[in-house]
Amino acid sequence: MGARRTSVDVSVDILEAALNGANKTRIVYRSNLNFAIVRSYLDNLMKTGLLIVDVDGSYRTTGKGAKFIKDYTSLIKPFNLS
């Protein structure tokens, strides 16, 4: 049994799923969550400016979100033992 993901891990998974734009269903499947949980994460990520909704209704990671992914990856990668 694997370790549980932190909220930061989940946020990064969502931001990665939305890098090139994604609808909510795609984000749910890519991040391995359910719709109710994804909804709260999407709201929080939009409030913090890491994610936006395009005019076509798809979610897209902002430049700030992409930097967050990069920073997170550079901090976590040295400790990732898997």
N, C-alpha and C. Protein backbone atom coordinates (compact mmCIF):
# COMPACT_ATOMS: atom_id res chain seq x y z
N MET A 1 0.84 -1.17 0.00
CA MET A 1 0.00 0.00 0.00
C MET A 1 0.89 1.24 0.00
N GLY A 2 0.61 2.18 -0.91
CA GLY A 2 1.43 3.38 -1.05
C GLY A 2 1.07 4.43 -0.01
N ALA A 3 1.94 5.39 0.11
CA ALA A 3 1.72 6.49 1.04
C ALA A 3 0.65 7.42 0.48
N ARG A 4 -0.09 8.04 1.37
CA ARG A 4 -1.10 9.00 0.94
C ARG A 4 -0.43 10.25 0.39
N ARG A 5 -1.09 10.85 -0.58
CA ARG A 5 -0.57 12.09 -1.15
C ARG A 5 -0.95 13.26 -0.24
N THR A 6 -0.07 14.22 -0.16
CA THR A 6 -0.38 15.44 0.57
C THR A 6 -1.25 16.33 -0.32
N SER A 7 -1.81 17.37 0.27
CA SER A 7 -2.62 18.30 -0.52
C SER A 7 -1.77 19.00 -1.57
N VAL A 8 -0.49 19.20 -1.27
CA VAL A 8 0.42 19.82 -2.24
C VAL A 8 0.65 18.85 -3.40
N ASP A 9 0.84 17.57 -3.10
CA ASP A 9 1.00 16.56 -4.16
C ASP A 9 -0.21 16.56 -5.08
N VAL A 10 -1.40 16.59 -4.50
CA VAL A 10 -2.63 16.58 -5.29
C VAL A 10 -2.73 17.85 -6.14
N SER A 11 -2.40 18.97 -5.55
CA SER A 11 -2.44 20.24 -6.29
C SER A 11 -1.50 20.21 -7.49
N VAL A 12 -0.31 19.66 -7.30
CA VAL A 12 0.65 19.57 -8.40
C VAL A 12 0.12 18.62 -9.48
N ASP A 13 -0.49 17.51 -9.09
CA ASP A 13 -1.08 16.59 -10.06
C ASP A 13 -2.14 17.30 -10.91
N ILE A 14 -2.97 18.10 -10.27
CA ILE A 14 -4.01 18.85 -10.98
C ILE A 14 -3.40 19.88 -11.91
N LEU A 15 -2.41 20.62 -11.43
CA LEU A 15 -1.76 21.63 -12.26
C LEU A 15 -1.06 20.99 -13.46
N GLU A 16 -0.45 19.84 -13.26
CA GLU A 16 0.19 19.14 -14.38
C GLU A 16 -0.84 18.68 -15.40
N ALA A 17 -1.99 18.22 -14.93
CA ALA A 17 -3.05 17.77 -15.83
C ALA A 17 -3.58 18.93 -16.67
N ALA A 18 -3.52 20.14 -16.12
CA ALA A 18 -4.09 21.31 -16.80
C ALA A 18 -3.05 22.17 -17.50
N LEU A 19 -1.82 21.69 -17.61
CA LEU A 19 -0.78 22.50 -18.24
C LEU A 19 -1.16 22.97 -19.65
N ASN A 20 -1.71 22.10 -20.45
CA ASN A 20 -2.09 22.45 -21.82
C ASN A 20 -3.60 22.62 -21.97
N GLY A 21 -4.27 22.80 -20.86
CA GLY A 21 -5.72 22.95 -20.87
C GLY A 21 -6.39 21.60 -20.71
N ALA A 22 -7.39 21.54 -19.86
CA ALA A 22 -8.11 20.28 -19.63
C ALA A 22 -9.48 20.58 -19.05
N ASN A 23 -10.45 19.75 -19.40
CA ASN A 23 -11.75 19.90 -18.77
C ASN A 23 -11.74 19.18 -17.42
N LYS A 24 -12.80 19.37 -16.65
CA LYS A 24 -12.84 18.81 -15.31
C LYS A 24 -12.73 17.29 -15.31
N THR A 25 -13.37 16.64 -16.26
CA THR A 25 -13.33 15.17 -16.33
C THR A 25 -11.90 14.68 -16.53
N ARG A 26 -11.18 15.31 -17.42
CA ARG A 26 -9.79 14.92 -17.67
C ARG A 26 -8.94 15.10 -16.42
N ILE A 27 -9.16 16.20 -15.71
CA ILE A 27 -8.42 16.46 -14.47
C ILE A 27 -8.74 15.40 -13.43
N VAL A 28 -10.01 15.03 -13.31
CA VAL A 28 -10.42 13.99 -12.35
C VAL A 28 -9.68 12.69 -12.63
N TYR A 29 -9.67 12.27 -13.88
CA TYR A 29 -9.02 11.01 -14.23
C TYR A 29 -7.50 11.07 -14.11
N ARG A 30 -6.91 12.17 -14.56
CA ARG A 30 -5.45 12.30 -14.51
C ARG A 30 -4.93 12.40 -13.08
N SER A 31 -5.70 13.03 -12.20
CA SER A 31 -5.25 13.21 -10.82
C SER A 31 -5.76 12.12 -9.88
N ASN A 32 -6.54 11.19 -10.43
CA ASN A 32 -7.06 10.06 -9.66
C ASN A 32 -7.85 10.50 -8.42
N LEU A 33 -8.82 11.39 -8.66
CA LEU A 33 -9.68 11.91 -7.60
C LEU A 33 -11.13 11.80 -8.03
N ASN A 34 -12.04 12.24 -7.18
CA ASN A 34 -13.44 12.30 -7.59
C ASN A 34 -13.84 13.76 -7.81
N PHE A 35 -15.02 13.95 -8.40
CA PHE A 35 -15.45 15.30 -8.78
C PHE A 35 -15.59 16.24 -7.58
N ALA A 36 -16.10 15.74 -6.47
CA ALA A 36 -16.30 16.60 -5.29
C ALA A 36 -14.97 17.12 -4.76
N ILE A 37 -13.99 16.25 -4.69
CA ILE A 37 -12.68 16.66 -4.19
C ILE A 37 -12.00 17.60 -5.18
N VAL A 38 -12.07 17.29 -6.46
CA VAL A 38 -11.44 18.14 -7.47
C VAL A 38 -12.04 19.54 -7.45
N ARG A 39 -13.34 19.64 -7.26
CA ARG A 39 -14.00 20.95 -7.24
C ARG A 39 -13.37 21.86 -6.19
N SER A 40 -13.14 21.36 -4.99
CA SER A 40 -12.56 22.20 -3.94
C SER A 40 -11.11 22.58 -4.26
N TYR A 41 -10.36 21.65 -4.83
CA TYR A 41 -8.98 21.97 -5.22
C TYR A 41 -8.97 23.01 -6.34
N LEU A 42 -9.85 22.86 -7.33
CA LEU A 42 -9.89 23.82 -8.42
C LEU A 42 -10.19 25.21 -7.89
N ASP A 43 -11.15 25.31 -6.99
CA ASP A 43 -11.49 26.61 -6.40
C ASP A 43 -10.28 27.23 -5.71
N ASN A 44 -9.59 26.43 -4.91
CA ASN A 44 -8.41 26.95 -4.19
C ASN A 44 -7.28 27.34 -5.14
N LEU A 45 -7.06 26.53 -6.16
CA LEU A 45 -5.99 26.84 -7.11
C LEU A 45 -6.30 28.10 -7.91
N MET A 46 -7.57 28.33 -8.20
CA MET A 46 -7.94 29.55 -8.91
C MET A 46 -7.82 30.77 -8.00
N LYS A 47 -8.19 30.62 -6.73
CA LYS A 47 -8.08 31.73 -5.77
C LYS A 47 -6.63 32.17 -5.59
N THR A 48 -5.71 31.22 -5.68
CA THR A 48 -4.30 31.54 -5.49
C THR A 48 -3.60 31.95 -6.78
N GLY A 49 -4.33 31.93 -7.90
CA GLY A 49 -3.77 32.37 -9.17
C GLY A 49 -2.91 31.34 -9.88
N LEU A 50 -3.01 30.08 -9.48
CA LEU A 50 -2.23 29.03 -10.11
C LEU A 50 -2.96 28.40 -11.28
N LEU A 51 -4.26 28.64 -11.38
CA LEU A 51 -5.11 28.01 -12.39
C LEU A 51 -6.16 29.02 -12.84
N ILE A 52 -6.50 28.99 -14.12
CA ILE A 52 -7.57 29.86 -14.65
C ILE A 52 -8.53 29.01 -15.46
N VAL A 53 -9.69 29.60 -15.75
CA VAL A 53 -10.65 28.97 -16.65
C VAL A 53 -10.63 29.74 -17.95
N ASP A 54 -10.38 29.05 -19.05
CA ASP A 54 -10.38 29.67 -20.38
C ASP A 54 -11.80 30.00 -20.81
N VAL A 55 -11.93 30.78 -21.88
CA VAL A 55 -13.24 31.14 -22.40
C VAL A 55 -14.04 29.93 -22.86
N ASP A 56 -13.35 28.85 -23.24
CA ASP A 56 -14.06 27.64 -23.67
C ASP A 56 -14.44 26.75 -22.49
N GLY A 57 -14.13 27.19 -21.26
CA GLY A 57 -14.51 26.43 -20.07
C GLY A 57 -13.48 25.44 -19.58
N SER A 58 -12.36 25.34 -20.30
CA SER A 58 -11.31 24.41 -19.85
C SER A 58 -10.42 25.11 -18.82
N TYR A 59 -9.80 24.31 -17.99
CA TYR A 59 -8.89 24.82 -16.97
C TYR A 59 -7.48 24.81 -17.52
N ARG A 60 -6.72 25.85 -17.17
CA ARG A 60 -5.36 25.97 -17.67
C ARG A 60 -4.45 26.47 -16.54
N THR A 61 -3.30 25.85 -16.44
CA THR A 61 -2.31 26.26 -15.45
C THR A 61 -1.69 27.58 -15.88
N THR A 62 -1.58 28.51 -14.96
CA THR A 62 -0.98 29.82 -15.25
C THR A 62 0.53 29.72 -15.20
N GLY A 63 1.21 30.80 -15.56
CA GLY A 63 2.65 30.85 -15.45
C GLY A 63 3.10 30.67 -14.00
N LYS A 64 2.36 31.26 -13.09
CA LYS A 64 2.63 31.11 -11.67
C LYS A 64 2.48 29.64 -11.26
N GLY A 65 1.47 28.96 -11.82
CA GLY A 65 1.25 27.55 -11.53
C GLY A 65 2.37 26.68 -12.08
N ALA A 66 2.83 27.01 -13.28
CA ALA A 66 3.94 26.26 -13.89
C ALA A 66 5.21 26.43 -13.06
N LYS A 67 5.44 27.63 -12.56
CA LYS A 67 6.60 27.87 -11.69
C LYS A 67 6.46 27.08 -10.40
N PHE A 68 5.25 27.00 -9.87
CA PHE A 68 5.00 26.22 -8.66
C PHE A 68 5.36 24.74 -8.88
N ILE A 69 4.94 24.19 -10.03
CA ILE A 69 5.27 22.80 -10.37
C ILE A 69 6.78 22.62 -10.43
N LYS A 70 7.45 23.53 -11.11
CA LYS A 70 8.91 23.45 -11.27
C LYS A 70 9.61 23.51 -9.91
N ASP A 71 9.20 24.47 -9.08
CA ASP A 71 9.81 24.62 -7.76
C ASP A 71 9.55 23.39 -6.89
N TYR A 72 8.33 22.90 -6.91
CA TYR A 72 7.97 21.72 -6.13
C TYR A 72 8.80 20.52 -6.58
N THR A 73 8.91 20.33 -7.88
CA THR A 73 9.65 19.20 -8.41
C THR A 73 11.13 19.28 -8.03
N SER A 74 11.70 20.46 -8.09
CA SER A 74 13.12 20.61 -7.75
C SER A 74 13.37 20.38 -6.26
N LEU A 75 12.37 20.68 -5.43
CA LEU A 75 12.53 20.46 -3.99
C LEU A 75 12.31 19.00 -3.60
N ILE A 76 11.37 18.34 -4.25
CA ILE A 76 10.98 16.98 -3.87
C ILE A 76 11.85 15.92 -4.55
N LYS A 77 12.30 16.16 -5.77
CA LYS A 77 13.03 15.15 -6.53
C LYS A 77 14.20 14.52 -5.77
N PRO A 78 15.03 15.30 -5.07
CA PRO A 78 16.14 14.67 -4.35
C PRO A 78 15.69 13.68 -3.27
N PHE A 79 14.46 13.82 -2.76
CA PHE A 79 13.97 12.97 -1.69
C PHE A 79 13.08 11.84 -2.17
N ASN A 80 12.78 11.82 -3.47
CA ASN A 80 11.89 10.81 -4.02
C ASN A 80 12.66 9.49 -4.15
N LEU A 81 12.27 8.51 -3.37
CA LEU A 81 12.97 7.23 -3.35
C LEU A 81 12.32 6.17 -4.23
N SER A 82 11.22 6.52 -4.89
CA SER A 82 10.54 5.51 -5.72
C SER A 82 11.12 5.38 -7.09
